[in-house]
Amino acid sequence: MYIIYDAISVAFEVYKFILIARIVLSFVKHNPYSPIIRYIYELTEPYLSIFRRIIPPMGMIDFSPIAAFFALNILEYWVVLPLVRLIF
């Protein structure tokens, strides 16, 4: 059971890291054709597009990544907390 808990926790943490990288990339100049950057965009775009439909950009600022990050934290709480209660 600990392996499942650890795997899910690590998966959430890795995706949070990738989402933060995507947010940082929106502020810096980068090569959009770089394989690493394309990979980050391909992993995060389906998730972020959900929030972009709900929260439109306000001027030049896109608040959807912030909402997506908070929603990911809430989802992690709903998934990981029951596992912790089940294990302990």
PDB file of N, CA and C in Angstrom:
ATOM      1  N   MET A   1       0.819  -1.194   0.000  1.00  0.00           N
ATOM      2  CA  MET A   1       0.000   0.000   0.000  1.00  0.00           C
ATOM      3  C   MET A   1       0.867   1.264   0.000  1.00  0.00           C
ATOM      4  N   TYR A   2       2.025   1.178   0.679  1.00  0.00           N
ATOM      5  CA  TYR A   2       2.913   2.338   0.708  1.00  0.00           C
ATOM      6  C   TYR A   2       3.436   2.679  -0.687  1.00  0.00           C
ATOM      7  N   ILE A   3       3.626   1.659  -1.509  1.00  0.00           N
ATOM      8  CA  ILE A   3       4.139   1.886  -2.858  1.00  0.00           C
ATOM      9  C   ILE A   3       3.132   2.684  -3.682  1.00  0.00           C
ATOM     10  N   ILE A   4       1.862   2.361  -3.545  1.00  0.00           N
ATOM     11  CA  ILE A   4       0.816   3.094  -4.274  1.00  0.00           C
ATOM     12  C   ILE A   4       0.768   4.539  -3.815  1.00  0.00           C
ATOM     13  N   TYR A   5       0.810   4.732  -2.507  1.00  0.00           N
ATOM     14  CA  TYR A   5       0.804   6.089  -1.951  1.00  0.00           C
ATOM     15  C   TYR A   5       2.004   6.890  -2.456  1.00  0.00           C
ATOM     16  N   ASP A   6       3.181   6.280  -2.405  1.00  0.00           N
ATOM     17  CA  ASP A   6       4.396   6.968  -2.857  1.00  0.00           C
ATOM     18  C   ASP A   6       4.338   7.285  -4.347  1.00  0.00           C
ATOM     19  N   ALA A   7       3.857   6.344  -5.140  1.00  0.00           N
ATOM     20  CA  ALA A   7       3.781   6.561  -6.588  1.00  0.00           C
ATOM     21  C   ALA A   7       2.830   7.702  -6.926  1.00  0.00           C
ATOM     22  N   ILE A   8       1.687   7.739  -6.271  1.00  0.00           N
ATOM     23  CA  ILE A   8       0.720   8.813  -6.537  1.00  0.00           C
ATOM     24  C   ILE A   8       1.263  10.153  -6.064  1.00  0.00           C
ATOM     25  N   SER A   9       1.881  10.176  -4.895  1.00  0.00           N
ATOM     26  CA  SER A   9       2.455  11.423  -4.381  1.00  0.00           C
ATOM     27  C   SER A   9       3.555  11.948  -5.293  1.00  0.00           C
ATOM     28  N   VAL A  10       4.413  11.074  -5.753  1.00  0.00           N
ATOM     29  CA  VAL A  10       5.500  11.478  -6.653  1.00  0.00           C
ATOM     30  C   VAL A  10       4.933  11.976  -7.979  1.00  0.00           C
ATOM     31  N   ALA A  11       3.916  11.308  -8.488  1.00  0.00           N
ATOM     32  CA  ALA A  11       3.299  11.734  -9.749  1.00  0.00           C
ATOM     33  C   ALA A  11       2.728  13.137  -9.630  1.00  0.00           C
ATOM     34  N   PHE A  12       2.050  13.421  -8.533  1.00  0.00           N
ATOM     35  CA  PHE A  12       1.513  14.767  -8.325  1.00  0.00           C
ATOM     36  C   PHE A  12       2.643  15.792  -8.219  1.00  0.00           C
ATOM     37  N   GLU A  13       3.692  15.464  -7.493  1.00  0.00           N
ATOM     38  CA  GLU A  13       4.803  16.399  -7.325  1.00  0.00           C
ATOM     39  C   GLU A  13       5.520  16.663  -8.646  1.00  0.00           C
ATOM     40  N   VAL A  14       5.718  15.645  -9.443  1.00  0.00           N
ATOM     41  CA  VAL A  14       6.373  15.824 -10.738  1.00  0.00           C
ATOM     42  C   VAL A  14       5.514  16.700 -11.643  1.00  0.00           C
ATOM     43  N   TYR A  15       4.205  16.445 -11.660  1.00  0.00           N
ATOM     44  CA  TYR A  15       3.333  17.256 -12.513  1.00  0.00           C
ATOM     45  C   TYR A  15       3.284  18.704 -12.025  1.00  0.00           C
ATOM     46  N   LYS A  16       3.321  18.916 -10.716  1.00  0.00           N
ATOM     47  CA  LYS A  16       3.388  20.290 -10.189  1.00  0.00           C
ATOM     48  C   LYS A  16       4.663  20.974 -10.657  1.00  0.00           C
ATOM     49  N   PHE A  17       5.776  20.255 -10.613  1.00  0.00           N
ATOM     50  CA  PHE A  17       7.044  20.812 -11.068  1.00  0.00           C
ATOM     51  C   PHE A  17       6.974  21.183 -12.547  1.00  0.00           C
ATOM     52  N   ILE A  18       6.383  20.316 -13.365  1.00  0.00           N
ATOM     53  CA  ILE A  18       6.242  20.591 -14.791  1.00  0.00           C
ATOM     54  C   ILE A  18       5.323  21.779 -15.021  1.00  0.00           C
ATOM     55  N   LEU A  19       4.261  21.883 -14.226  1.00  0.00           N
ATOM     56  CA  LEU A  19       3.341  23.021 -14.339  1.00  0.00           C
ATOM     57  C   LEU A  19       4.035  24.327 -13.943  1.00  0.00           C
ATOM     58  N   ILE A  20       4.856  24.292 -12.921  1.00  0.00           N
ATOM     59  CA  ILE A  20       5.618  25.483 -12.520  1.00  0.00           C
ATOM     60  C   ILE A  20       6.603  25.854 -13.620  1.00  0.00           C
ATOM     61  N   ALA A  21       7.239  24.859 -14.230  1.00  0.00           N
ATOM     62  CA  ALA A  21       8.154  25.136 -15.344  1.00  0.00           C
ATOM     63  C   ALA A  21       7.407  25.812 -16.481  1.00  0.00           C
ATOM     64  N   ARG A  22       6.196  25.368 -16.752  1.00  0.00           N
ATOM     65  CA  ARG A  22       5.381  25.977 -17.816  1.00  0.00           C
ATOM     66  C   ARG A  22       5.053  27.430 -17.473  1.00  0.00           C
ATOM     67  N   ILE A  23       4.730  27.693 -16.220  1.00  0.00           N
ATOM     68  CA  ILE A  23       4.421  29.060 -15.790  1.00  0.00           C
ATOM     69  C   ILE A  23       5.655  29.949 -15.946  1.00  0.00           C
ATOM     70  N   VAL A  24       6.815  29.447 -15.540  1.00  0.00           N
ATOM     71  CA  VAL A  24       8.053  30.222 -15.662  1.00  0.00           C
ATOM     72  C   VAL A  24       8.388  30.461 -17.131  1.00  0.00           C
ATOM     73  N   LEU A  25       8.166  29.466 -17.974  1.00  0.00           N
ATOM     74  CA  LEU A  25       8.451  29.628 -19.401  1.00  0.00           C
ATOM     75  C   LEU A  25       7.599  30.724 -20.036  1.00  0.00           C
ATOM     76  N   SER A  26       6.432  30.979 -19.478  1.00  0.00           N
ATOM     77  CA  SER A  26       5.598  32.032 -20.051  1.00  0.00           C
ATOM     78  C   SER A  26       6.173  33.424 -19.789  1.00  0.00           C
ATOM     79  N   PHE A  27       7.110  33.530 -18.843  1.00  0.00           N
ATOM     80  CA  PHE A  27       7.705  34.824 -18.516  1.00  0.00           C
ATOM     81  C   PHE A  27       9.070  35.049 -19.154  1.00  0.00           C
ATOM     82  N   VAL A  28       9.701  33.990 -19.652  1.00  0.00           N
ATOM     83  CA  VAL A  28      11.039  34.134 -20.227  1.00  0.00           C
ATOM     84  C   VAL A  28      11.012  33.793 -21.715  1.00  0.00           C
ATOM     85  N   LYS A  29      11.985  34.333 -22.418  1.00  0.00           N
ATOM     86  CA  LYS A  29      12.105  34.034 -23.840  1.00  0.00           C
ATOM     87  C   LYS A  29      12.722  32.649 -23.988  1.00  0.00           C
ATOM     88  N   HIS A  30      12.093  31.818 -24.820  1.00  0.00           N
ATOM     89  CA  HIS A  30      12.579  30.459 -25.008  1.00  0.00           C
ATOM     90  C   HIS A  30      12.361  30.012 -26.446  1.00  0.00           C
ATOM     91  N   ASN A  31      13.026  28.941 -26.786  1.00  0.00           N
ATOM     92  CA  ASN A  31      12.893  28.359 -28.118  1.00  0.00           C
ATOM     93  C   ASN A  31      11.729  27.373 -28.097  1.00  0.00           C
ATOM     94  N   PRO A  32      10.607  27.688 -28.740  1.00  0.00           N
ATOM     95  CA  PRO A  32       9.447  26.788 -28.679  1.00  0.00           C
ATOM     96  C   PRO A  32       9.658  25.468 -29.420  1.00  0.00           C
ATOM     97  N   TYR A  33      10.728  25.354 -30.181  1.00  0.00           N
ATOM     98  CA  TYR A  33      11.003  24.132 -30.920  1.00  0.00           C
ATOM     99  C   TYR A  33      11.951  23.192 -30.182  1.00  0.00           C
ATOM    100  N   SER A  34      12.402  23.590 -29.021  1.00  0.00           N
ATOM    101  CA  SER A  34      13.254  22.725 -28.215  1.00  0.00           C
ATOM    102  C   SER A  34      12.434  21.504 -27.764  1.00  0.00           C
ATOM    103  N   PRO A  35      13.015  20.303 -27.845  1.00  0.00           N
ATOM    104  CA  PRO A  35      12.254  19.107 -27.472  1.00  0.00           C
ATOM    105  C   PRO A  35      11.760  19.117 -26.027  1.00  0.00           C
ATOM    106  N   ILE A  36      12.549  19.632 -25.126  1.00  0.00           N
ATOM    107  CA  ILE A  36      12.147  19.671 -23.711  1.00  0.00           C
ATOM    108  C   ILE A  36      10.968  20.614 -23.522  1.00  0.00           C
ATOM    109  N   ILE A  37      11.044  21.776 -24.126  1.00  0.00           N
ATOM    110  CA  ILE A  37       9.965  22.757 -23.992  1.00  0.00           C
ATOM    111  C   ILE A  37       8.699  22.253 -24.672  1.00  0.00           C
ATOM    112  N   ARG A  38       8.840  21.633 -25.815  1.00  0.00           N
ATOM    113  CA  ARG A  38       7.661  21.053 -26.483  1.00  0.00           C
ATOM    114  C   ARG A  38       7.036  19.970 -25.616  1.00  0.00           C
ATOM    115  N   TYR A  39       7.854  19.170 -24.961  1.00  0.00           N
ATOM    116  CA  TYR A  39       7.359  18.121 -24.071  1.00  0.00           C
ATOM    117  C   TYR A  39       6.584  18.728 -22.896  1.00  0.00           C
ATOM    118  N   ILE A  40       7.123  19.789 -22.319  1.00  0.00           N
ATOM    119  CA  ILE A  40       6.431  20.463 -21.212  1.00  0.00           C
ATOM    120  C   ILE A  40       5.084  20.999 -21.684  1.00  0.00           C
ATOM    121  N   TYR A  41       5.057  21.623 -22.846  1.00  0.00           N
ATOM    122  CA  TYR A  41       3.807  22.151 -23.382  1.00  0.00           C
ATOM    123  C   TYR A  41       2.807  21.035 -23.688  1.00  0.00           C
ATOM    124  N   GLU A  42       3.292  19.924 -24.234  1.00  0.00           N
ATOM    125  CA  GLU A  42       2.394  18.808 -24.564  1.00  0.00           C
ATOM    126  C   GLU A  42       1.809  18.159 -23.319  1.00  0.00           C
ATOM    127  N   LEU A  43       2.562  18.149 -22.230  1.00  0.00           N
ATOM    128  CA  LEU A  43       2.058  17.561 -20.990  1.00  0.00           C
ATOM    129  C   LEU A  43       1.066  18.469 -20.268  1.00  0.00           C
ATOM    130  N   THR A  44       1.272  19.764 -20.358  1.00  0.00           N
ATOM    131  CA  THR A  44       0.455  20.674 -19.565  1.00  0.00           C
ATOM    132  C   THR A  44      -0.724  21.280 -20.321  1.00  0.00           C
ATOM    133  N   GLU A  45      -0.649  21.343 -21.625  1.00  0.00           N
ATOM    134  CA  GLU A  45      -1.699  22.021 -22.398  1.00  0.00           C
ATOM    135  C   GLU A  45      -3.089  21.388 -22.239  1.00  0.00           C
ATOM    136  N   PRO A  46      -3.234  20.065 -22.261  1.00  0.00           N
ATOM    137  CA  PRO A  46      -4.587  19.518 -22.074  1.00  0.00           C
ATOM    138  C   PRO A  46      -5.205  19.909 -20.730  1.00  0.00           C
ATOM    139  N   TYR A  47      -4.403  19.911 -19.684  1.00  0.00           N
ATOM    140  CA  TYR A  47      -4.900  20.285 -18.357  1.00  0.00           C
ATOM    141  C   TYR A  47      -5.205  21.776 -18.277  1.00  0.00           C
ATOM    142  N   LEU A  48      -4.316  22.602 -18.818  1.00  0.00           N
ATOM    143  CA  LEU A  48      -4.527  24.046 -18.764  1.00  0.00           C
ATOM    144  C   LEU A  48      -5.683  24.499 -19.651  1.00  0.00           C
ATOM    145  N   SER A  49      -5.932  23.790 -20.733  1.00  0.00           N
ATOM    146  CA  SER A  49      -7.024  24.197 -21.631  1.00  0.00           C
ATOM    147  C   SER A  49      -8.381  24.114 -20.942  1.00  0.00           C
ATOM    148  N   ILE A  50      -8.524  23.213 -19.987  1.00  0.00           N
ATOM    149  CA  ILE A  50      -9.764  23.130 -19.210  1.00  0.00           C
ATOM    150  C   ILE A  50     -10.004  24.448 -18.482  1.00  0.00           C
ATOM    151  N   PHE A  51      -8.981  24.991 -17.883  1.00  0.00           N
ATOM    152  CA  PHE A  51      -9.114  26.214 -17.106  1.00  0.00           C
ATOM    153  C   PHE A  51      -9.184  27.453 -17.996  1.00  0.00           C
ATOM    154  N   ARG A  52      -8.593  27.391 -19.159  1.00  0.00           N
ATOM    155  CA  ARG A  52      -8.677  28.533 -20.086  1.00  0.00           C
ATOM    156  C   ARG A  52     -10.091  28.721 -20.612  1.00  0.00           C
ATOM    157  N   ARG A  53     -10.846  27.626 -20.716  1.00  0.00           N
ATOM    158  CA  ARG A  53     -12.243  27.752 -21.142  1.00  0.00           C
ATOM    159  C   ARG A  53     -13.087  28.408 -20.055  1.00  0.00           C
ATOM    160  N   ILE A  54     -12.711  28.207 -18.803  1.00  0.00           N
ATOM    161  CA  ILE A  54     -13.468  28.761 -17.676  1.00  0.00           C
ATOM    162  C   ILE A  54     -13.015  30.179 -17.355  1.00  0.00           C
ATOM    163  N   ILE A  55     -11.700  30.401 -17.343  1.00  0.00           N
ATOM    164  CA  ILE A  55     -11.121  31.694 -16.959  1.00  0.00           C
ATOM    165  C   ILE A  55     -10.442  32.301 -18.180  1.00  0.00           C
ATOM    166  N   PRO A  56     -11.072  33.250 -18.833  1.00  0.00           N
ATOM    167  CA  PRO A  56     -10.421  33.870 -19.990  1.00  0.00           C
ATOM    168  C   PRO A  56      -9.277  34.789 -19.555  1.00  0.00           C
ATOM    169  N   PRO A  57      -8.285  35.009 -20.417  1.00  0.00           N
ATOM    170  CA  PRO A  57      -7.190  35.925 -20.065  1.00  0.00           C
ATOM    171  C   PRO A  57      -7.712  37.344 -19.841  1.00  0.00           C
ATOM    172  N   MET A  58      -7.143  38.007 -18.863  1.00  0.00           N
ATOM    173  CA  MET A  58      -7.508  39.388 -18.557  1.00  0.00           C
ATOM    174  C   MET A  58      -6.369  40.278 -19.011  1.00  0.00           C
ATOM    175  N   GLY A  59      -6.526  40.880 -20.155  1.00  0.00           N
ATOM    176  CA  GLY A  59      -5.453  41.692 -20.720  1.00  0.00           C
ATOM    177  C   GLY A  59      -4.328  40.778 -21.163  1.00  0.00           C
ATOM    178  N   MET A  60      -3.145  41.043 -20.643  1.00  0.00           N
ATOM    179  CA  MET A  60      -1.979  40.221 -21.006  1.00  0.00           C
ATOM    180  C   MET A  60      -1.695  39.149 -19.953  1.00  0.00           C
ATOM    181  N   ILE A  61      -2.539  39.057 -18.939  1.00  0.00           N
ATOM    182  CA  ILE A  61      -2.295  38.112 -17.852  1.00  0.00           C
ATOM    183  C   ILE A  61      -3.264  36.935 -17.965  1.00  0.00           C
ATOM    184  N   ASP A  62      -2.709  35.737 -17.900  1.00  0.00           N
ATOM    185  CA  ASP A  62      -3.495  34.514 -17.956  1.00  0.00           C
ATOM    186  C   ASP A  62      -3.494  33.889 -16.558  1.00  0.00           C
ATOM    187  N   PHE A  63      -4.649  33.903 -15.919  1.00  0.00           N
ATOM    188  CA  PHE A  63      -4.760  33.366 -14.566  1.00  0.00           C
ATOM    189  C   PHE A  63      -5.063  31.869 -14.537  1.00  0.00           C
ATOM    190  N   SER A  64      -5.257  31.259 -15.686  1.00  0.00           N
ATOM    191  CA  SER A  64      -5.615  29.843 -15.715  1.00  0.00           C
ATOM    192  C   SER A  64      -4.527  28.926 -15.134  1.00  0.00           C
ATOM    193  N   PRO A  65      -3.228  29.184 -15.319  1.00  0.00           N
ATOM    194  CA  PRO A  65      -2.237  28.308 -14.684  1.00  0.00           C
ATOM    195  C   PRO A  65      -2.281  28.358 -13.156  1.00  0.00           C
ATOM    196  N   ILE A  66      -2.608  29.519 -12.617  1.00  0.00           N
ATOM    197  CA  ILE A  66      -2.708  29.628 -11.161  1.00  0.00           C
ATOM    198  C   ILE A  66      -3.885  28.812 -10.658  1.00  0.00           C
ATOM    199  N   ALA A  67      -5.023  28.948 -11.324  1.00  0.00           N
ATOM    200  CA  ALA A  67      -6.200  28.165 -10.950  1.00  0.00           C
ATOM    201  C   ALA A  67      -5.939  26.673 -11.128  1.00  0.00           C
ATOM    202  N   ALA A  68      -5.237  26.314 -12.195  1.00  0.00           N
ATOM    203  CA  ALA A  68      -4.925  24.904 -12.449  1.00  0.00           C
ATOM    204  C   ALA A  68      -4.011  24.345 -11.364  1.00  0.00           C
ATOM    205  N   PHE A  69      -3.066  25.145 -10.909  1.00  0.00           N
ATOM    206  CA  PHE A  69      -2.154  24.700  -9.858  1.00  0.00           C
ATOM    207  C   PHE A  69      -2.916  24.471  -8.553  1.00  0.00           C
ATOM    208  N   PHE A  70      -3.804  25.404  -8.195  1.00  0.00           N
ATOM    209  CA  PHE A  70      -4.603  25.231  -6.974  1.00  0.00           C
ATOM    210  C   PHE A  70      -5.548  24.035  -7.093  1.00  0.00           C
ATOM    211  N   ALA A  71      -6.143  23.840  -8.253  1.00  0.00           N
ATOM    212  CA  ALA A  71      -7.026  22.695  -8.460  1.00  0.00           C
ATOM    213  C   ALA A  71      -6.246  21.385  -8.353  1.00  0.00           C
ATOM    214  N   LEU A  72      -5.016  21.374  -8.837  1.00  0.00           N
ATOM    215  CA  LEU A  72      -4.178  20.180  -8.724  1.00  0.00           C
ATOM    216  C   LEU A  72      -3.867  19.871  -7.264  1.00  0.00           C
ATOM    217  N   ASN A  73      -3.617  20.896  -6.472  1.00  0.00           N
ATOM    218  CA  ASN A  73      -3.382  20.701  -5.040  1.00  0.00           C
ATOM    219  C   ASN A  73      -4.619  20.139  -4.351  1.00  0.00           C
ATOM    220  N   ILE A  74      -5.784  20.653  -4.701  1.00  0.00           N
ATOM    221  CA  ILE A  74      -7.031  20.145  -4.115  1.00  0.00           C
ATOM    222  C   ILE A  74      -7.265  18.703  -4.535  1.00  0.00           C
ATOM    223  N   LEU A  75      -7.032  18.405  -5.804  1.00  0.00           N
ATOM    224  CA  LEU A  75      -7.191  17.036  -6.289  1.00  0.00           C
ATOM    225  C   LEU A  75      -6.225  16.089  -5.580  1.00  0.00           C
ATOM    226  N   GLU A  76      -5.009  16.534  -5.374  1.00  0.00           N
ATOM    227  CA  GLU A  76      -4.040  15.711  -4.651  1.00  0.00           C
ATOM    228  C   GLU A  76      -4.532  15.444  -3.230  1.00  0.00           C
ATOM    229  N   TYR A  77      -5.073  16.456  -2.595  1.00  0.00           N
ATOM    230  CA  TYR A  77      -5.595  16.315  -1.238  1.00  0.00           C
ATOM    231  C   TYR A  77      -6.721  15.286  -1.204  1.00  0.00           C
ATOM    232  N   TRP A  78      -7.605  15.322  -2.185  1.00  0.00           N
ATOM    233  CA  TRP A  78      -8.727  14.379  -2.238  1.00  0.00           C
ATOM    234  C   TRP A  78      -8.296  12.966  -2.557  1.00  0.00           C
ATOM    235  N   VAL A  79      -7.198  12.811  -3.280  1.00  0.00           N
ATOM    236  CA  VAL A  79      -6.736  11.477  -3.667  1.00  0.00           C
ATOM    237  C   VAL A  79      -5.794  10.898  -2.614  1.00  0.00           C
ATOM    238  N   VAL A  80      -4.843  11.697  -2.149  1.00  0.00           N
ATOM    239  CA  VAL A  80      -3.810  11.188  -1.257  1.00  0.00           C
ATOM    240  C   VAL A  80      -4.318  11.033   0.173  1.00  0.00           C
ATOM    241  N   LEU A  81      -5.128  11.938   0.656  1.00  0.00           N
ATOM    242  CA  LEU A  81      -5.607  11.854   2.033  1.00  0.00           C
ATOM    243  C   LEU A  81      -6.385  10.572   2.309  1.00  0.00           C
ATOM    244  N   PRO A  82      -7.301  10.142   1.442  1.00  0.00           N
ATOM    245  CA  PRO A  82      -7.950   8.855   1.702  1.00  0.00           C
ATOM    246  C   PRO A  82      -6.975   7.682   1.716  1.00  0.00           C
ATOM    247  N   LEU A  83      -5.924   7.744   0.897  1.00  0.00           N
ATOM    248  CA  LEU A  83      -4.921   6.685   0.920  1.00  0.00           C
ATOM    249  C   LEU A  83      -4.162   6.670   2.246  1.00  0.00           C
ATOM    250  N   VAL A  84      -3.870   7.850   2.767  1.00  0.00           N
ATOM    251  CA  VAL A  84      -3.168   7.931   4.054  1.00  0.00           C
ATOM    252  C   VAL A  84      -4.052   7.348   5.149  1.00  0.00           C
ATOM    253  N   ARG A  85      -5.325   7.674   5.125  1.00  0.00           N
ATOM    254  CA  ARG A  85      -6.252   7.129   6.127  1.00  0.00           C
ATOM    255  C   ARG A  85      -6.384   5.616   5.983  1.00  0.00           C
ATOM    256  N   LEU A  86      -6.336   5.136   4.748  1.00  0.00           N
ATOM    257  CA  LEU A  86      -6.448   3.700   4.509  1.00  0.00           C
ATOM    258  C   LEU A  86      -5.206   2.963   5.007  1.00  0.00           C
ATOM    259  N   ILE A  87      -4.048   3.567   4.824  1.00  0.00           N
ATOM    260  CA  ILE A  87      -2.790   2.922   5.214  1.00  0.00           C
ATOM    261  C   ILE A  87      -2.629   2.948   6.715  1.00  0.00           C
ATOM    262  N   PHE A  88      -2.870   4.081   7.321  1.00  0.00           N
ATOM    263  CA  PHE A  88      -2.635   4.207   8.759  1.00  0.00           C
ATOM    264  C   PHE A  88      -3.945   3.991   9.451  1.00  0.00           C
TER     265      PHE A  88
END
